[in-house]
Amino acid sequence: MIEIGVSSSHLYPGARLSLAGPESGAAVIRFADGTSATARLEGSELTLAPHTTRAGTRIAAKRWRVARSEDGLRVLAKLSA
């Protein structure tokens, strides 16, 4: 399983993500607020399952365009559902 780390409580264009594990497949995203969510990384697309932030904000499932960088991934844009 891929481990993805985020330095904030949510994803947004420009966010930098740490990456450990295989190049693609099932993933777990660990947010800076201590919460996590399941996801799937396939090529340049990251699909994030619905989840709730520590503050209680419910986040709907989303798809993101990402690019590989020297230190992991960078979020480029939110894709339509």
N, C-alpha and C. Protein backbone atom coordinates (compact mmCIF):
# COMPACT_ATOMS: atom_id res chain seq x y z
N MET A 1 0.84 -1.19 0.00
CA MET A 1 0.00 0.00 0.00
C MET A 1 0.89 1.25 0.00
N ILE A 2 0.44 2.26 -0.72
CA ILE A 2 1.16 3.53 -0.80
C ILE A 2 0.82 4.37 0.42
N GLU A 3 1.81 5.01 1.00
CA GLU A 3 1.62 5.95 2.11
C GLU A 3 1.86 7.36 1.58
N ILE A 4 0.87 8.22 1.73
CA ILE A 4 0.99 9.60 1.27
C ILE A 4 0.81 10.53 2.47
N GLY A 5 1.75 11.44 2.65
CA GLY A 5 1.69 12.39 3.75
C GLY A 5 1.37 13.78 3.23
N VAL A 6 0.52 14.50 3.97
CA VAL A 6 0.11 15.86 3.60
C VAL A 6 0.43 16.78 4.76
N SER A 7 1.01 17.95 4.48
CA SER A 7 1.40 18.88 5.54
C SER A 7 0.27 19.82 5.95
N SER A 8 -0.96 19.52 5.53
CA SER A 8 -2.12 20.31 5.92
C SER A 8 -3.29 19.35 6.17
N SER A 9 -4.46 19.91 6.48
CA SER A 9 -5.62 19.07 6.78
C SER A 9 -6.45 18.74 5.55
N HIS A 10 -6.02 19.23 4.38
CA HIS A 10 -6.77 18.99 3.14
C HIS A 10 -5.84 19.11 1.94
N LEU A 11 -6.34 18.67 0.78
CA LEU A 11 -5.58 18.81 -0.45
C LEU A 11 -6.04 20.08 -1.18
N TYR A 12 -5.15 20.66 -1.96
CA TYR A 12 -5.43 21.86 -2.73
C TYR A 12 -4.36 21.97 -3.83
N PRO A 13 -4.64 22.66 -4.92
CA PRO A 13 -3.63 22.83 -5.96
C PRO A 13 -2.38 23.50 -5.39
N GLY A 14 -1.25 22.91 -5.66
CA GLY A 14 0.02 23.41 -5.14
C GLY A 14 0.54 22.64 -3.93
N ALA A 15 -0.33 21.84 -3.30
CA ALA A 15 0.09 21.08 -2.12
C ALA A 15 1.18 20.08 -2.51
N ARG A 16 2.14 19.91 -1.62
CA ARG A 16 3.21 18.93 -1.82
C ARG A 16 2.95 17.74 -0.90
N LEU A 17 3.08 16.54 -1.46
CA LEU A 17 2.77 15.32 -0.74
C LEU A 17 4.01 14.43 -0.68
N SER A 18 4.25 13.84 0.48
CA SER A 18 5.32 12.84 0.56
C SER A 18 4.75 11.52 0.07
N LEU A 19 5.62 10.66 -0.42
CA LEU A 19 5.17 9.42 -1.04
C LEU A 19 6.10 8.29 -0.66
N ALA A 20 5.54 7.18 -0.19
CA ALA A 20 6.33 5.99 0.13
C ALA A 20 5.56 4.77 -0.32
N GLY A 21 6.25 3.87 -1.00
CA GLY A 21 5.61 2.64 -1.44
C GLY A 21 5.60 2.51 -2.95
N PRO A 22 4.73 1.66 -3.46
CA PRO A 22 4.66 1.40 -4.90
C PRO A 22 4.32 2.66 -5.71
N GLU A 23 4.49 2.59 -7.00
CA GLU A 23 4.21 3.71 -7.90
C GLU A 23 2.72 3.97 -8.08
N SER A 24 1.89 2.93 -7.96
CA SER A 24 0.45 3.11 -8.14
C SER A 24 -0.30 2.06 -7.34
N GLY A 25 -1.59 2.31 -7.15
CA GLY A 25 -2.44 1.37 -6.44
C GLY A 25 -3.13 1.99 -5.24
N ALA A 26 -3.58 1.13 -4.34
CA ALA A 26 -4.29 1.57 -3.14
C ALA A 26 -3.35 2.38 -2.25
N ALA A 27 -3.93 3.40 -1.61
CA ALA A 27 -3.12 4.29 -0.78
C ALA A 27 -3.87 4.70 0.47
N VAL A 28 -3.11 5.15 1.45
CA VAL A 28 -3.67 5.82 2.62
C VAL A 28 -3.01 7.19 2.68
N ILE A 29 -3.85 8.22 2.85
CA ILE A 29 -3.36 9.59 2.97
C ILE A 29 -3.44 10.00 4.42
N ARG A 30 -2.34 10.47 4.96
CA ARG A 30 -2.28 10.92 6.35
C ARG A 30 -2.14 12.44 6.36
N PHE A 31 -3.15 13.10 6.92
CA PHE A 31 -3.19 14.55 6.96
C PHE A 31 -2.51 15.08 8.23
N ALA A 32 -2.11 16.35 8.20
CA ALA A 32 -1.39 16.96 9.32
C ALA A 32 -2.24 17.03 10.59
N ASP A 33 -3.55 17.00 10.46
CA ASP A 33 -4.41 17.06 11.65
C ASP A 33 -4.58 15.70 12.34
N GLY A 34 -3.88 14.68 11.82
CA GLY A 34 -3.93 13.36 12.43
C GLY A 34 -4.97 12.43 11.83
N THR A 35 -5.78 12.91 10.92
CA THR A 35 -6.77 12.06 10.27
C THR A 35 -6.16 11.39 9.04
N SER A 36 -6.86 10.39 8.54
CA SER A 36 -6.40 9.71 7.33
C SER A 36 -7.60 9.34 6.47
N ALA A 37 -7.32 9.03 5.21
CA ALA A 37 -8.36 8.64 4.27
C ALA A 37 -7.79 7.64 3.29
N THR A 38 -8.65 6.81 2.75
CA THR A 38 -8.20 5.88 1.72
C THR A 38 -8.20 6.60 0.37
N ALA A 39 -7.36 6.12 -0.52
CA ALA A 39 -7.23 6.75 -1.82
C ALA A 39 -6.71 5.73 -2.83
N ARG A 40 -6.61 6.16 -4.06
CA ARG A 40 -6.01 5.33 -5.12
C ARG A 40 -5.20 6.25 -6.01
N LEU A 41 -3.95 5.86 -6.27
CA LEU A 41 -3.07 6.60 -7.15
C LEU A 41 -2.84 5.78 -8.41
N GLU A 42 -3.24 6.34 -9.54
CA GLU A 42 -3.07 5.69 -10.84
C GLU A 42 -2.49 6.71 -11.80
N GLY A 43 -1.24 6.56 -12.16
CA GLY A 43 -0.60 7.52 -13.05
C GLY A 43 -0.57 8.89 -12.44
N SER A 44 -1.20 9.85 -13.11
CA SER A 44 -1.22 11.23 -12.61
C SER A 44 -2.55 11.58 -11.96
N GLU A 45 -3.34 10.58 -11.59
CA GLU A 45 -4.63 10.82 -10.96
C GLU A 45 -4.68 10.21 -9.56
N LEU A 46 -5.07 11.04 -8.60
CA LEU A 46 -5.24 10.61 -7.22
C LEU A 46 -6.72 10.72 -6.88
N THR A 47 -7.35 9.60 -6.54
CA THR A 47 -8.76 9.59 -6.16
C THR A 47 -8.84 9.42 -4.65
N LEU A 48 -9.48 10.37 -4.00
CA LEU A 48 -9.56 10.41 -2.54
C LEU A 48 -10.98 10.08 -2.10
N ALA A 49 -11.12 9.13 -1.17
CA ALA A 49 -12.43 8.74 -0.65
C ALA A 49 -12.97 9.82 0.29
N PRO A 50 -14.29 9.83 0.53
CA PRO A 50 -14.85 10.79 1.49
C PRO A 50 -14.20 10.59 2.86
N HIS A 51 -14.03 11.69 3.58
CA HIS A 51 -13.44 11.60 4.91
C HIS A 51 -13.85 12.83 5.73
N THR A 52 -13.51 12.81 7.00
CA THR A 52 -13.85 13.90 7.91
C THR A 52 -12.58 14.42 8.56
N THR A 53 -12.40 15.74 8.58
CA THR A 53 -11.23 16.34 9.23
C THR A 53 -11.39 16.25 10.74
N ARG A 54 -10.31 16.49 11.45
CA ARG A 54 -10.36 16.48 12.91
C ARG A 54 -11.37 17.50 13.43
N ALA A 55 -11.52 18.63 12.72
CA ALA A 55 -12.47 19.67 13.13
C ALA A 55 -13.92 19.29 12.84
N GLY A 56 -14.13 18.15 12.17
CA GLY A 56 -15.48 17.68 11.90
C GLY A 56 -16.02 18.04 10.53
N THR A 57 -15.20 18.65 9.70
CA THR A 57 -15.64 19.01 8.35
C THR A 57 -15.67 17.76 7.48
N ARG A 58 -16.81 17.51 6.85
CA ARG A 58 -16.93 16.35 5.96
C ARG A 58 -16.45 16.75 4.57
N ILE A 59 -15.56 15.96 4.03
CA ILE A 59 -14.99 16.20 2.71
C ILE A 59 -15.51 15.11 1.77
N ALA A 60 -16.12 15.52 0.68
CA ALA A 60 -16.64 14.56 -0.31
C ALA A 60 -15.50 13.91 -1.08
N ALA A 61 -15.80 12.80 -1.72
CA ALA A 61 -14.81 12.14 -2.58
C ALA A 61 -14.37 13.13 -3.66
N LYS A 62 -13.07 13.12 -3.95
CA LYS A 62 -12.54 14.04 -4.96
C LYS A 62 -11.45 13.35 -5.77
N ARG A 63 -11.26 13.88 -6.97
CA ARG A 63 -10.17 13.41 -7.83
C ARG A 63 -9.23 14.57 -8.09
N TRP A 64 -7.93 14.27 -8.07
CA TRP A 64 -6.91 15.29 -8.23
C TRP A 64 -5.92 14.88 -9.30
N ARG A 65 -5.45 15.85 -10.08
CA ARG A 65 -4.33 15.64 -11.01
C ARG A 65 -3.06 15.94 -10.22
N VAL A 66 -2.12 15.00 -10.23
CA VAL A 66 -0.87 15.17 -9.50
C VAL A 66 0.32 14.95 -10.44
N ALA A 67 1.47 15.45 -10.03
CA ALA A 67 2.70 15.25 -10.79
C ALA A 67 3.78 14.78 -9.83
N ARG A 68 4.61 13.91 -10.28
CA ARG A 68 5.72 13.43 -9.46
C ARG A 68 6.78 14.52 -9.39
N SER A 69 7.39 14.64 -8.22
CA SER A 69 8.47 15.59 -8.01
C SER A 69 9.61 14.86 -7.30
N GLU A 70 10.72 15.54 -7.11
CA GLU A 70 11.87 14.91 -6.46
C GLU A 70 11.55 14.41 -5.05
N ASP A 71 10.67 15.11 -4.36
CA ASP A 71 10.35 14.75 -2.98
C ASP A 71 8.98 14.09 -2.80
N GLY A 72 8.34 13.67 -3.88
CA GLY A 72 7.05 12.99 -3.76
C GLY A 72 6.09 13.36 -4.87
N LEU A 73 4.99 14.02 -4.49
CA LEU A 73 3.97 14.44 -5.46
C LEU A 73 3.62 15.90 -5.22
N ARG A 74 3.11 16.53 -6.27
CA ARG A 74 2.58 17.88 -6.15
C ARG A 74 1.19 17.87 -6.76
N VAL A 75 0.21 18.44 -6.07
CA VAL A 75 -1.16 18.51 -6.57
C VAL A 75 -1.24 19.64 -7.60
N LEU A 76 -1.71 19.31 -8.79
CA LEU A 76 -1.82 20.29 -9.87
C LEU A 76 -3.21 20.92 -9.96
N ALA A 77 -4.26 20.09 -9.88
CA ALA A 77 -5.61 20.60 -10.07
C ALA A 77 -6.64 19.59 -9.56
N LYS A 78 -7.80 20.11 -9.17
CA LYS A 78 -8.93 19.25 -8.84
C LYS A 78 -9.64 18.89 -10.14
N LEU A 79 -9.97 17.63 -10.30
CA LEU A 79 -10.66 17.15 -11.49
C LEU A 79 -12.15 17.05 -11.21
N SER A 80 -12.97 17.13 -12.24
CA SER A 80 -14.41 16.99 -12.05
C SER A 80 -14.74 15.57 -11.63
N ALA A 81 -15.80 15.43 -10.88
CA ALA A 81 -16.20 14.12 -10.34
C ALA A 81 -16.65 13.16 -11.40
